[in-house]
Every structure is written in C-alpha cells, then in structure tokens.
Amino acid sequence: MHELALEVFGVDLSPGMIAVARRDHPHLRFEVGPMTSLSPRPPHSPVSWPGRR
C-alpha cells in the first residue's frame, strides 16, 4: 500500500511487535495502542492481517 502512495501506519498492543515492525519497515509509522481507538474517516479505512510476510 505504501508503494501506491497511500498513507500507511501500523497499530499493535505489543511494544515488542511495534519494535519489530519499526526495525523491518523504518519508513513507516507504527504506534502502540488498540485499533479500537482509531477513528478512520473516508477515504480511509482500517485494514489488518495476522502474521508477517
């Protein structure tokens, strides 16, 4: 998605997983917290998937 010039960021409850994400993808934004605190507004939409590629 980032390659398509979309604004991308990650959220996870685990600080450890955020550290891994920041290490593996330093050009993206990652925050510790619950997805339920997000308030996406059109044209934004939340997307999530388990695991790593």
N, C-alpha and C. Protein backbone atom coordinates (compact mmCIF):
# COMPACT_ATOMS: atom_id res chain seq x y z
N MET A 1 0.81 -1.19 0.00
CA MET A 1 0.00 0.00 0.00
C MET A 1 0.86 1.25 0.00
N HIS A 2 1.95 1.21 0.76
CA HIS A 2 2.84 2.37 0.81
C HIS A 2 3.39 2.68 -0.59
N GLU A 3 3.68 1.63 -1.36
CA GLU A 3 4.21 1.81 -2.71
C GLU A 3 3.22 2.50 -3.63
N LEU A 4 1.93 2.45 -3.27
CA LEU A 4 0.89 3.10 -4.07
C LEU A 4 0.63 4.53 -3.62
N ALA A 5 1.51 5.06 -2.78
CA ALA A 5 1.44 6.43 -2.26
C ALA A 5 0.25 6.62 -1.32
N LEU A 6 -0.19 5.54 -0.67
CA LEU A 6 -1.24 5.64 0.33
C LEU A 6 -0.61 5.90 1.69
N GLU A 7 -1.32 6.63 2.55
CA GLU A 7 -0.83 6.85 3.90
C GLU A 7 -1.04 5.56 4.68
N VAL A 8 0.04 5.03 5.21
CA VAL A 8 0.01 3.74 5.89
C VAL A 8 0.62 3.88 7.27
N PHE A 9 -0.02 3.29 8.29
CA PHE A 9 0.60 3.20 9.60
C PHE A 9 0.09 1.95 10.29
N GLY A 10 0.85 1.51 11.27
CA GLY A 10 0.51 0.29 11.98
C GLY A 10 0.23 0.56 13.44
N VAL A 11 -0.65 -0.26 14.01
CA VAL A 11 -1.02 -0.18 15.41
C VAL A 11 -1.00 -1.58 15.98
N ASP A 12 -0.44 -1.74 17.16
CA ASP A 12 -0.43 -3.04 17.84
C ASP A 12 -0.39 -2.78 19.34
N LEU A 13 -0.97 -3.69 20.10
CA LEU A 13 -0.93 -3.58 21.56
C LEU A 13 0.44 -3.92 22.12
N SER A 14 1.23 -4.65 21.37
CA SER A 14 2.51 -5.15 21.86
C SER A 14 3.67 -4.22 21.50
N PRO A 15 4.33 -3.64 22.49
CA PRO A 15 5.51 -2.82 22.19
C PRO A 15 6.59 -3.62 21.46
N GLY A 16 6.69 -4.90 21.78
CA GLY A 16 7.68 -5.74 21.11
C GLY A 16 7.41 -5.89 19.62
N MET A 17 6.13 -6.06 19.26
CA MET A 17 5.78 -6.18 17.85
C MET A 17 5.98 -4.85 17.12
N ILE A 18 5.72 -3.75 17.81
CA ILE A 18 5.96 -2.44 17.20
C ILE A 18 7.46 -2.25 16.95
N ALA A 19 8.28 -2.72 17.88
CA ALA A 19 9.74 -2.62 17.69
C ALA A 19 10.18 -3.41 16.47
N VAL A 20 9.63 -4.61 16.28
CA VAL A 20 9.96 -5.43 15.11
C VAL A 20 9.51 -4.72 13.83
N ALA A 21 8.28 -4.20 13.85
CA ALA A 21 7.77 -3.50 12.66
C ALA A 21 8.62 -2.29 12.32
N ARG A 22 8.99 -1.51 13.32
CA ARG A 22 9.83 -0.32 13.07
C ARG A 22 11.20 -0.73 12.55
N ARG A 23 11.74 -1.82 13.05
CA ARG A 23 13.04 -2.30 12.57
C ARG A 23 12.94 -2.75 11.11
N ASP A 24 11.89 -3.50 10.79
CA ASP A 24 11.75 -4.05 9.45
C ASP A 24 11.25 -3.05 8.41
N HIS A 25 10.56 -2.01 8.88
CA HIS A 25 9.97 -1.02 7.96
C HIS A 25 10.17 0.39 8.52
N PRO A 26 11.41 0.86 8.56
CA PRO A 26 11.70 2.15 9.21
C PRO A 26 11.06 3.36 8.52
N HIS A 27 10.61 3.21 7.30
CA HIS A 27 10.00 4.32 6.57
C HIS A 27 8.51 4.47 6.87
N LEU A 28 7.94 3.56 7.66
CA LEU A 28 6.51 3.63 8.00
C LEU A 28 6.31 4.02 9.46
N ARG A 29 5.12 4.46 9.80
CA ARG A 29 4.77 4.89 11.16
C ARG A 29 4.08 3.74 11.89
N PHE A 30 4.49 3.49 13.12
CA PHE A 30 3.90 2.46 13.96
C PHE A 30 3.68 3.02 15.36
N GLU A 31 2.53 2.72 15.94
CA GLU A 31 2.19 3.20 17.27
C GLU A 31 1.68 2.05 18.13
N VAL A 32 1.99 2.09 19.42
CA VAL A 32 1.46 1.12 20.37
C VAL A 32 0.08 1.61 20.80
N GLY A 33 -0.91 0.72 20.71
CA GLY A 33 -2.26 1.07 21.14
C GLY A 33 -3.29 0.14 20.53
N PRO A 34 -4.55 0.29 20.96
CA PRO A 34 -5.61 -0.55 20.43
C PRO A 34 -6.19 0.00 19.12
N MET A 35 -6.55 -0.89 18.21
CA MET A 35 -7.19 -0.46 16.97
C MET A 35 -8.53 0.21 17.23
N THR A 36 -9.15 -0.13 18.36
CA THR A 36 -10.46 0.45 18.66
C THR A 36 -10.39 1.95 18.93
N SER A 37 -9.18 2.47 19.16
CA SER A 37 -9.05 3.91 19.40
C SER A 37 -8.96 4.71 18.11
N LEU A 38 -8.88 4.02 16.97
CA LEU A 38 -8.79 4.70 15.68
C LEU A 38 -10.16 5.21 15.25
N SER A 39 -10.17 6.34 14.61
CA SER A 39 -11.41 6.91 14.08
C SER A 39 -11.23 7.22 12.61
N PRO A 40 -11.18 6.19 11.77
CA PRO A 40 -10.95 6.46 10.34
C PRO A 40 -12.14 7.19 9.71
N ARG A 41 -11.81 8.11 8.83
CA ARG A 41 -12.83 8.85 8.10
C ARG A 41 -12.58 8.64 6.61
N PRO A 42 -13.63 8.57 5.82
CA PRO A 42 -13.45 8.37 4.38
C PRO A 42 -12.47 9.40 3.83
N PRO A 43 -11.59 9.07 2.93
CA PRO A 43 -11.48 7.79 2.23
C PRO A 43 -10.60 6.77 2.95
N HIS A 44 -10.37 6.91 4.24
CA HIS A 44 -9.51 6.00 4.99
C HIS A 44 -10.32 4.80 5.48
N SER A 45 -9.66 3.68 5.56
CA SER A 45 -10.31 2.51 6.14
C SER A 45 -9.27 1.64 6.81
N PRO A 46 -9.63 1.05 7.94
CA PRO A 46 -8.68 0.17 8.63
C PRO A 46 -8.55 -1.17 7.92
N VAL A 47 -7.35 -1.67 7.90
CA VAL A 47 -7.06 -2.99 7.34
C VAL A 47 -6.13 -3.68 8.32
N SER A 48 -6.38 -4.93 8.58
CA SER A 48 -5.47 -5.66 9.46
C SER A 48 -5.28 -7.07 8.94
N TRP A 49 -4.15 -7.65 9.28
CA TRP A 49 -3.90 -9.04 8.95
C TRP A 49 -2.93 -9.60 9.96
N PRO A 50 -3.09 -10.88 10.27
CA PRO A 50 -2.21 -11.50 11.25
C PRO A 50 -0.89 -11.94 10.62
N GLY A 51 0.12 -12.03 11.45
CA GLY A 51 1.39 -12.59 11.00
C GLY A 51 2.25 -11.65 10.19
N ARG A 52 3.35 -12.21 9.73
CA ARG A 52 4.33 -11.47 8.94
C ARG A 52 4.44 -12.10 7.57
N ARG A 53 4.90 -11.31 6.59
CA ARG A 53 5.14 -11.85 5.25
C ARG A 53 6.44 -12.61 5.24
